[in-house]
Amino acid sequence: MMTELLEILETAAVAVSAVLIKKYVFLEPDLQPGFRRVFYGCGIAVVGAVFAALGKDAAALAVLFLTGLSVCLGRKTRRLRALLLIIPLPGIISGLFVPVMRVPPYLIGMTERSAAVYQLAMYGVSAVLLVLFLVKGKPWRNWFHGNMQRRSLRKSERYLLWSIGILQLFFSVSIAAQIEAGGAGIPGAADYVRKFDAFIGISSVTAFIMTVTIIVLIMQGNRRAFYHERVAAMQSGMITLMAEIVENRDGSTGGHIRRTAAYVEKIARELQKQGAYPDILTDAYVQNMVVAAPLHDIGKIHIPDAVLQKPGRLTEEEFAVMKTHAEAGQRLIAYAKTELGESAYLSMAEEMAVYHHEWWDGRGYPRGCKGEEIPLCARIMAVADVFDALTSRRCYKDAMPLEKAYAIIRAESGTHFDPAVVEAFFSAKIQ
């Protein structure tokens, strides 16, 4: 009776471990909620039937196959590759359970009954730890399900898992064979097996520590990514809020900074698709540009209300004052960098602030740069900024019809704007 109970618990432990490792260590996407319940329900029935008919070893193989199948169904691409996950997975599971469940009774020389009681106790401890993970880890797991699946394992992490999985599989098979040969401490077992006791003890402890360490490192990587993304989102929100406060001074709703950031991303992605500026336009560059874009007009905080909110056309003197917002923005962001430290998006925000009114032909301000002397992020922002200014209502004008705004953007390609950016603007179908 106790033997049958242990076999059931071992099969259940393999199944639960396979699901948790697949999701939280290998970062494989899960099935859709409705289908997941059906799949797991059918999976339990299949494993139970295999266990009843063929025993725990066949049931464990069924668990591994169903795990691979669930990964295949959860992926959108490279589905057949998911079956390869079956190779390292049993080794990782064995690296966790064999050193804890089977080696100590063998080394201590427990009787069969004592070993069974010990294993039942360890399964109980494992069950308590699982419940604590399910209860105490709920906030982290809820976030993980919504966000962390965008992160996939790095190559180094994947190679580590495969290496440890394959090594632990060979280790667990050899240890199991030695334990069976030694009779698990039962009197009358072959004496020569005892020569390997020290090796078994040291290697099993080493295997367990290696497996747990690698899993913890990957889990910590997930956790760091979680907090990094939360901090990044908070920083981005604070930047947008500050920029909106400045933007609201001229009577607008703050929608300008959100719209221009969206236009910047669309133009940049289109340029990427076209293969333009491949050495500059990396994914990280685009992401930093989108975060930095709301700060392009931050220097307007230094412009007097009489100029910023004037309902009519500015005089030459007033326009000269307005033009100072570009370098004022650069000074503000440079000061922020000294207080907060260097960062890619602040450096890009500084470039956008000071250069977004420069012209491709050199007739812009404040520095009269031209062509590729102007940073790419500022050239993209120039198109986005002018287009939104043309098509939005301001205190000094009504919104311009789209077709007229498009005509102006097209006409100023090669003079005001980088021609490649203009082509990307129209290809992106911004409106």
Protein backbone atom coordinates (compact mmCIF):
# COMPACT_ATOMS: atom_id res chain seq x y z
CA MET A 1 0.00 0.00 0.00
CA MET A 2 2.75 2.44 0.96
CA THR A 3 4.72 1.51 -2.15
CA GLU A 4 1.73 2.27 -4.37
CA LEU A 5 1.18 5.59 -2.59
CA LEU A 6 4.84 6.54 -3.12
CA GLU A 7 4.59 5.69 -6.82
CA ILE A 8 1.48 7.88 -7.15
CA LEU A 9 3.22 10.75 -5.34
CA GLU A 10 6.34 10.36 -7.48
CA THR A 11 4.27 10.54 -10.67
CA ALA A 12 2.40 13.60 -9.35
CA ALA A 13 5.71 15.25 -8.38
CA VAL A 14 7.09 14.70 -11.88
CA ALA A 15 3.93 16.18 -13.43
CA VAL A 16 3.85 19.27 -11.19
CA SER A 17 7.60 19.84 -11.58
CA ALA A 18 7.35 19.55 -15.37
CA VAL A 19 4.60 22.20 -15.52
CA LEU A 20 6.40 24.62 -13.17
CA ILE A 21 9.80 24.23 -14.81
CA LYS A 22 8.32 24.60 -18.28
CA LYS A 23 6.58 27.83 -17.34
CA TYR A 24 8.85 29.56 -14.83
CA VAL A 25 12.30 28.28 -15.81
CA PHE A 26 12.13 27.61 -19.56
CA LEU A 27 9.69 30.55 -19.94
CA GLU A 28 7.52 28.65 -22.39
CA PRO A 29 4.08 30.22 -23.04
CA ASP A 30 1.08 28.51 -21.53
CA LEU A 31 -2.11 27.47 -23.26
CA GLN A 32 -5.16 29.72 -23.41
CA PRO A 33 -7.17 29.51 -20.14
CA GLY A 34 -10.21 27.67 -21.53
CA PHE A 35 -8.20 25.18 -23.54
CA ARG A 36 -5.67 24.82 -20.71
CA ARG A 37 -8.29 23.42 -18.33
CA VAL A 38 -9.43 20.90 -20.92
CA PHE A 39 -5.86 19.89 -21.82
CA TYR A 40 -4.74 19.44 -18.22
CA GLY A 41 -7.93 17.56 -17.34
CA CYS A 42 -7.44 15.16 -20.23
CA GLY A 43 -3.72 14.96 -19.40
CA ILE A 44 -4.44 13.85 -15.84
CA ALA A 45 -6.83 11.20 -17.15
CA VAL A 46 -4.26 9.93 -19.67
CA VAL A 47 -1.43 9.80 -17.11
CA GLY A 48 -3.72 8.04 -14.64
CA ALA A 49 -4.70 5.44 -17.22
CA VAL A 50 -1.07 4.85 -18.24
CA PHE A 51 -0.08 4.56 -14.57
CA ALA A 52 -2.78 1.98 -13.89
CA ALA A 53 -1.91 -0.06 -16.97
CA LEU A 54 1.87 0.22 -17.26
CA GLY A 55 3.24 1.69 -14.02
CA LYS A 56 4.99 4.85 -12.87
CA ASP A 57 7.85 4.82 -15.39
CA ALA A 58 5.46 4.76 -18.34
CA ALA A 59 3.34 7.44 -16.59
CA ALA A 60 6.43 9.64 -16.20
CA LEU A 61 7.14 9.30 -19.93
CA ALA A 62 3.51 10.25 -20.64
CA VAL A 63 3.95 13.37 -18.46
CA LEU A 64 7.04 14.40 -20.41
CA PHE A 65 5.32 13.85 -23.75
CA LEU A 66 2.26 15.85 -22.66
CA THR A 67 4.54 18.65 -21.42
CA GLY A 68 6.21 18.83 -24.82
CA LEU A 69 2.81 18.76 -26.51
CA SER A 70 1.54 21.61 -24.31
CA VAL A 71 4.58 23.71 -25.30
CA CYS A 72 3.93 22.94 -28.99
CA LEU A 73 0.33 24.09 -28.64
CA GLY A 74 1.29 27.17 -26.61
CA ARG A 75 3.82 28.47 -29.12
CA LYS A 76 2.99 30.46 -32.24
CA THR A 77 6.20 29.59 -34.08
CA ARG A 78 8.78 26.77 -34.07
CA ARG A 79 6.30 24.42 -32.46
CA LEU A 80 8.00 21.15 -33.31
CA ARG A 81 11.18 22.33 -31.61
CA ALA A 82 9.24 22.26 -28.36
CA LEU A 83 9.47 18.48 -28.30
CA LEU A 84 13.22 18.85 -27.76
CA LEU A 85 12.37 20.21 -24.32
CA ILE A 86 11.70 16.61 -23.32
CA ILE A 87 15.47 15.97 -23.44
CA PRO A 88 16.75 18.23 -20.59
CA LEU A 89 13.51 18.32 -18.58
CA PRO A 90 13.74 14.82 -17.01
CA GLY A 91 17.36 15.44 -16.05
CA ILE A 92 16.48 18.70 -14.26
CA ILE A 93 13.60 17.00 -12.42
CA SER A 94 15.88 14.11 -11.47
CA GLY A 95 18.56 16.54 -10.32
CA LEU A 96 16.02 17.94 -7.87
CA PHE A 97 14.41 14.73 -6.60
CA VAL A 98 17.01 11.93 -6.75
CA PRO A 99 19.53 13.59 -4.37
CA VAL A 100 16.73 14.41 -1.90
CA MET A 101 14.45 11.38 -2.14
CA ARG A 102 16.68 8.41 -2.88
CA VAL A 103 20.27 9.14 -1.89
CA PRO A 104 19.87 9.92 1.87
CA PRO A 105 18.03 6.65 2.68
CA TYR A 106 20.70 4.74 0.78
CA LEU A 107 23.64 6.43 2.49
CA ILE A 108 22.13 6.20 5.97
CA GLY A 109 21.26 2.56 5.40
CA MET A 110 17.54 2.87 6.09
CA THR A 111 15.26 -0.14 5.93
CA GLU A 112 12.72 -0.22 3.13
CA ARG A 113 9.95 0.91 5.47
CA SER A 114 12.03 3.73 6.99
CA ALA A 115 13.01 4.90 3.50
CA ALA A 116 9.34 4.95 2.52
CA VAL A 117 8.41 7.01 5.59
CA TYR A 118 11.24 9.43 4.84
CA GLN A 119 10.10 9.85 1.25
CA LEU A 120 6.50 10.46 2.34
CA ALA A 121 7.74 13.15 4.72
CA MET A 122 9.76 14.81 1.94
CA TYR A 123 6.78 14.76 -0.41
CA GLY A 124 4.81 16.43 2.38
CA VAL A 125 7.44 19.15 2.71
CA SER A 126 7.38 19.62 -1.08
CA ALA A 127 3.59 19.96 -0.98
CA VAL A 128 3.83 22.65 1.72
CA LEU A 129 6.43 24.56 -0.33
CA LEU A 130 4.18 24.34 -3.39
CA VAL A 131 1.22 25.74 -1.45
CA LEU A 132 3.37 28.60 -0.15
CA PHE A 133 4.48 29.35 -3.72
CA LEU A 134 0.88 29.34 -4.91
CA VAL A 135 -0.33 31.58 -2.07
CA LYS A 136 2.57 33.89 -1.25
CA GLY A 137 3.80 34.15 -4.82
CA LYS A 138 0.41 35.10 -6.27
CA PRO A 139 1.23 38.80 -7.01
CA TRP A 140 4.46 37.83 -8.78
CA ARG A 141 2.75 35.01 -10.70
CA ASN A 142 -0.10 37.29 -11.80
CA TRP A 143 2.39 39.77 -13.17
CA PHE A 144 4.42 36.97 -14.76
CA HIS A 145 1.45 35.59 -16.66
CA GLY A 146 0.66 39.01 -18.10
CA ASN A 147 4.11 40.32 -18.86
CA MET A 148 7.00 37.93 -18.40
CA GLN A 149 6.11 35.74 -21.35
CA ARG A 150 7.54 38.48 -23.54
CA ARG A 151 10.94 37.47 -22.20
CA SER A 152 12.58 34.37 -23.63
CA LEU A 153 15.69 32.62 -22.36
CA ARG A 154 19.02 34.03 -23.45
CA LYS A 155 21.29 31.61 -25.30
CA SER A 156 23.59 31.29 -22.30
CA GLU A 157 20.65 30.42 -20.04
CA ARG A 158 19.34 27.90 -22.52
CA TYR A 159 22.75 26.23 -22.90
CA LEU A 160 23.11 26.05 -19.12
CA LEU A 161 19.73 24.37 -18.73
CA TRP A 162 20.43 21.88 -21.49
CA SER A 163 23.87 21.08 -20.09
CA ILE A 164 22.66 20.57 -16.54
CA GLY A 165 19.63 18.61 -17.74
CA ILE A 166 21.63 16.13 -19.80
CA LEU A 167 24.33 15.74 -17.14
CA GLN A 168 21.77 15.20 -14.40
CA LEU A 169 19.92 12.64 -16.50
CA PHE A 170 23.06 10.50 -16.80
CA PHE A 171 23.81 11.10 -13.13
CA SER A 172 20.36 10.08 -11.90
CA VAL A 173 20.30 6.95 -14.06
CA SER A 174 23.72 5.83 -12.79
CA ILE A 175 22.87 6.63 -9.16
CA ALA A 176 19.55 4.77 -9.42
CA ALA A 177 21.37 1.74 -10.84
CA GLN A 178 23.91 1.83 -8.01
CA ILE A 179 21.19 2.13 -5.37
CA GLU A 180 19.27 -0.78 -6.86
CA ALA A 181 22.48 -2.82 -6.92
CA GLY A 182 23.15 -1.91 -3.29
CA GLY A 183 19.70 -2.90 -2.21
CA ALA A 184 18.96 0.57 -0.79
CA GLY A 185 20.57 -0.41 2.51
CA ILE A 186 18.85 -3.81 2.87
CA PRO A 187 21.12 -6.36 4.69
CA GLY A 188 22.82 -8.87 2.37
CA ALA A 189 23.38 -6.42 -0.48
CA ALA A 190 26.60 -6.58 -2.46
CA ASP A 191 29.49 -5.21 -0.41
CA TYR A 192 31.41 -3.79 -3.33
CA VAL A 193 28.77 -1.15 -3.94
CA ARG A 194 29.73 0.53 -0.64
CA LYS A 195 32.95 1.65 -2.26
CA PHE A 196 30.89 4.15 -4.18
CA ASP A 197 29.12 5.64 -1.14
CA ALA A 198 31.39 8.66 -0.82
CA PHE A 199 31.17 9.31 -4.55
CA ILE A 200 27.38 9.03 -4.48
CA GLY A 201 27.10 11.37 -1.50
CA ILE A 202 29.36 14.08 -2.88
CA SER A 203 28.07 13.90 -6.45
CA SER A 204 24.42 13.91 -5.41
CA VAL A 205 24.88 16.99 -3.20
CA THR A 206 26.81 18.68 -6.01
CA ALA A 207 24.11 17.80 -8.55
CA PHE A 208 21.35 19.15 -6.33
CA ILE A 209 23.20 22.39 -5.62
CA MET A 210 24.03 22.90 -9.31
CA THR A 211 20.46 22.32 -10.40
CA VAL A 212 18.94 24.58 -7.75
CA THR A 213 21.56 27.30 -8.36
CA ILE A 214 20.91 27.46 -12.09
CA ILE A 215 17.14 27.51 -11.57
CA VAL A 216 17.45 30.26 -8.93
CA LEU A 217 19.70 32.33 -11.19
CA ILE A 218 17.16 32.18 -14.00
CA MET A 219 14.29 32.92 -11.64
CA GLN A 220 16.24 35.88 -10.27
CA GLY A 221 16.78 37.05 -13.83
CA ASN A 222 13.00 36.96 -14.29
CA ARG A 223 12.53 38.87 -11.04
CA ARG A 224 15.09 41.52 -11.99
CA ALA A 225 13.41 41.92 -15.37
CA PHE A 226 10.08 42.31 -13.55
CA TYR A 227 11.33 45.11 -11.30
CA HIS A 228 13.33 46.73 -14.10
CA GLU A 229 10.21 46.91 -16.25
CA ARG A 230 8.17 48.34 -13.38
CA VAL A 231 10.79 51.03 -12.70
CA ALA A 232 11.11 51.79 -16.42
CA ALA A 233 7.32 52.12 -16.72
CA MET A 234 7.25 54.44 -13.71
CA GLN A 235 10.06 56.57 -15.14
CA SER A 236 8.33 56.74 -18.50
CA GLY A 237 5.07 57.75 -16.80
CA MET A 238 6.81 60.47 -14.79
CA ILE A 239 8.49 61.81 -17.93
CA THR A 240 5.19 61.92 -19.79
CA LEU A 241 3.47 63.61 -16.84
CA MET A 242 6.15 66.33 -16.58
CA ALA A 243 6.02 66.92 -20.31
CA GLU A 244 2.21 67.18 -20.22
CA ILE A 245 2.38 69.76 -17.43
CA VAL A 246 4.68 71.88 -19.60
CA GLU A 247 2.52 71.27 -22.67
CA ASN A 248 -0.66 72.35 -20.88
CA ARG A 249 0.74 75.84 -20.40
CA ASP A 250 -0.14 76.76 -23.97
CA GLY A 251 -3.74 75.61 -23.56
CA SER A 252 -3.38 72.25 -25.31
CA THR A 253 -4.58 69.00 -23.78
CA GLY A 254 -1.18 67.33 -23.64
CA GLY A 255 -2.14 65.02 -26.50
CA HIS A 256 0.68 66.47 -28.60
CA ILE A 257 3.42 64.62 -26.76
CA ARG A 258 1.58 61.29 -26.87
CA ARG A 259 0.77 61.64 -30.55
CA THR A 260 4.29 62.67 -31.53
CA ALA A 261 5.75 59.75 -29.55
CA ALA A 262 3.44 57.39 -31.45
CA TYR A 263 4.39 59.00 -34.79
CA VAL A 264 8.09 58.71 -33.92
CA GLU A 265 7.75 54.99 -33.24
CA LYS A 266 5.82 54.35 -36.46
CA ILE A 267 8.34 56.25 -38.58
CA ALA A 268 11.29 54.53 -36.90
CA ARG A 269 9.77 51.06 -37.36
CA GLU A 270 9.11 51.81 -41.00
CA LEU A 271 12.71 52.93 -41.48
CA GLN A 272 13.83 49.67 -39.86
CA LYS A 273 11.61 47.71 -42.23
CA GLN A 274 13.14 49.55 -45.19
CA GLY A 275 16.67 48.84 -43.94
CA ALA A 276 17.54 52.54 -43.58
CA TYR A 277 20.29 53.53 -41.12
CA PRO A 278 20.84 49.93 -39.96
CA ASP A 279 23.88 50.83 -37.84
CA ILE A 280 21.86 53.35 -35.82
CA LEU A 281 18.27 52.15 -35.83
CA THR A 282 18.43 49.19 -33.45
CA ASP A 283 15.46 48.05 -31.36
CA ALA A 284 17.07 49.62 -28.28
CA TYR A 285 17.49 52.92 -30.15
CA VAL A 286 13.81 52.95 -31.12
CA GLN A 287 12.68 52.10 -27.58
CA ASN A 288 14.81 54.88 -26.11
CA MET A 289 13.51 57.31 -28.72
CA VAL A 290 9.87 56.58 -27.83
CA VAL A 291 10.60 57.13 -24.11
CA ALA A 292 12.59 60.30 -24.80
CA ALA A 293 10.17 61.85 -27.29
CA PRO A 294 7.85 63.49 -24.69
CA LEU A 295 10.76 65.65 -23.50
CA HIS A 296 11.45 67.31 -26.85
CA ASP A 297 9.66 70.55 -25.85
CA ILE A 298 10.53 70.53 -22.13
CA GLY A 299 12.41 73.82 -22.61
CA LYS A 300 9.10 75.63 -23.13
CA ILE A 301 8.84 75.80 -19.35
CA HIS A 302 11.19 78.82 -19.60
CA ILE A 303 9.07 80.63 -22.22
CA PRO A 304 6.88 83.44 -20.79
CA ASP A 305 3.12 82.90 -20.97
CA ALA A 306 2.70 86.07 -23.01
CA VAL A 307 4.71 84.46 -25.80
CA LEU A 308 3.67 80.83 -25.34
CA GLN A 309 -0.06 81.57 -25.18
CA LYS A 310 -0.25 84.44 -27.66
CA PRO A 311 -3.29 83.87 -29.92
CA GLY A 312 -1.80 85.63 -32.93
CA ARG A 313 1.39 85.59 -34.98
CA LEU A 314 4.61 86.16 -33.02
CA THR A 315 6.77 89.21 -33.68
CA GLU A 316 10.42 88.73 -34.58
CA GLU A 317 11.41 89.48 -30.98
CA GLU A 318 8.83 87.06 -29.61
CA PHE A 319 9.90 84.36 -32.06
CA ALA A 320 13.51 84.85 -30.95
CA VAL A 321 12.36 84.20 -27.39
CA MET A 322 10.38 81.13 -28.49
CA LYS A 323 13.43 79.69 -30.25
CA THR A 324 15.35 79.63 -26.98
CA HIS A 325 13.24 76.66 -25.80
CA ALA A 326 15.45 74.25 -27.75
CA GLU A 327 18.67 75.04 -25.89
CA ALA A 328 16.76 75.58 -22.63
CA GLY A 329 15.45 72.01 -22.97
CA GLN A 330 18.96 70.74 -23.58
CA ARG A 331 20.23 72.46 -20.43
CA LEU A 332 17.40 71.02 -18.34
CA ILE A 333 18.07 67.48 -19.52
CA ALA A 334 21.84 67.91 -19.13
CA TYR A 335 21.19 68.94 -15.53
CA ALA A 336 18.95 65.89 -15.06
CA LYS A 337 21.80 63.69 -16.30
CA THR A 338 24.17 65.13 -13.70
CA GLU A 339 21.61 64.41 -10.96
CA LEU A 340 20.33 61.03 -12.15
CA GLY A 341 23.36 59.70 -13.99
CA GLU A 342 23.95 58.94 -17.64
CA SER A 343 21.28 56.97 -19.48
CA ALA A 344 20.64 56.25 -23.14
CA TYR A 345 17.16 57.74 -23.20
CA LEU A 346 18.22 60.97 -21.44
CA SER A 347 21.06 61.43 -23.91
CA MET A 348 18.58 60.92 -26.74
CA ALA A 349 16.10 63.31 -25.10
CA GLU A 350 18.87 65.92 -24.98
CA GLU A 351 19.52 65.48 -28.71
CA MET A 352 15.83 65.68 -29.55
CA ALA A 353 15.33 68.80 -27.43
CA VAL A 354 18.15 70.80 -28.96
CA TYR A 355 18.03 69.58 -32.59
CA HIS A 356 14.35 68.98 -33.44
CA HIS A 357 14.01 72.41 -35.08
CA GLU A 358 17.10 72.01 -37.27
CA TRP A 359 16.49 71.76 -41.03
CA TRP A 360 17.98 69.23 -43.43
CA ASP A 361 19.35 72.10 -45.55
CA GLY A 362 20.86 73.94 -42.56
CA ARG A 363 18.30 76.77 -42.23
CA GLY A 364 16.95 75.66 -38.86
CA TYR A 365 17.79 76.66 -35.30
CA PRO A 366 19.45 76.89 -32.82
CA ARG A 367 22.76 75.72 -34.34
CA GLY A 368 22.21 75.67 -38.08
CA CYS A 369 23.18 72.01 -38.47
CA LYS A 370 22.34 70.24 -41.71
CA GLY A 371 22.00 66.78 -43.19
CA GLU A 372 23.33 63.93 -41.10
CA GLU A 373 24.96 66.37 -38.70
CA ILE A 374 21.51 66.36 -37.12
CA PRO A 375 20.99 63.24 -34.98
CA LEU A 376 18.58 60.74 -36.54
CA CYS A 377 16.23 60.84 -33.54
CA ALA A 378 15.83 64.61 -33.99
CA ARG A 379 15.24 64.27 -37.75
CA ILE A 380 12.44 61.81 -37.06
CA MET A 381 11.02 64.02 -34.32
CA ALA A 382 11.06 67.02 -36.69
CA VAL A 383 8.61 65.33 -39.07
CA ALA A 384 6.39 64.04 -36.25
CA ASP A 385 6.38 67.42 -34.48
CA VAL A 386 5.54 69.49 -37.57
CA PHE A 387 2.84 67.09 -38.74
CA ASP A 388 1.10 67.17 -35.37
CA ALA A 389 1.45 70.96 -35.16
CA LEU A 390 -0.18 71.30 -38.59
CA THR A 391 -3.08 68.95 -37.90
CA SER A 392 -3.86 70.10 -34.33
CA ARG A 393 -5.75 73.13 -33.09
CA ARG A 394 -3.56 75.63 -31.26
CA CYS A 395 -4.26 78.91 -29.48
CA TYR A 396 -3.10 80.78 -32.59
CA LYS A 397 -4.65 78.62 -35.36
CA ASP A 398 -7.20 75.96 -36.32
CA ALA A 399 -6.31 72.41 -37.31
CA MET A 400 -5.23 71.98 -40.92
CA PRO A 401 -6.87 69.33 -43.16
CA LEU A 402 -4.82 66.15 -43.50
CA GLU A 403 -4.28 66.43 -47.23
CA LYS A 404 -2.87 69.94 -46.91
CA ALA A 405 -0.55 68.83 -44.10
CA TYR A 406 0.64 65.88 -46.20
CA ALA A 407 1.35 68.25 -49.08
CA ILE A 408 3.48 70.49 -46.85
CA ILE A 409 5.47 67.54 -45.47
CA ARG A 410 6.06 66.25 -49.02
CA ALA A 411 7.04 69.70 -50.32
CA GLU A 412 9.60 70.20 -47.54
CA SER A 413 11.35 66.87 -48.10
CA GLY A 414 15.01 67.63 -48.77
CA THR A 415 14.77 71.16 -47.39
CA HIS A 416 13.23 71.00 -43.92
CA PHE A 417 13.16 67.21 -43.57
CA ASP A 418 15.38 64.20 -44.20
CA PRO A 419 13.96 62.65 -47.43
CA ALA A 420 14.34 59.11 -46.08
CA VAL A 421 12.32 60.02 -42.98
CA VAL A 422 9.61 61.62 -45.12
CA GLU A 423 9.31 58.48 -47.26
CA ALA A 424 9.02 56.38 -44.10
CA PHE A 425 6.38 58.78 -42.78
CA PHE A 426 4.18 58.24 -45.85
CA SER A 427 4.88 54.50 -45.99
CA ALA A 428 3.76 54.22 -42.36
CA LYS A 429 0.42 55.83 -43.37
CA ILE A 430 0.32 58.16 -40.38
CA GLN A 431 -2.89 60.14 -39.93
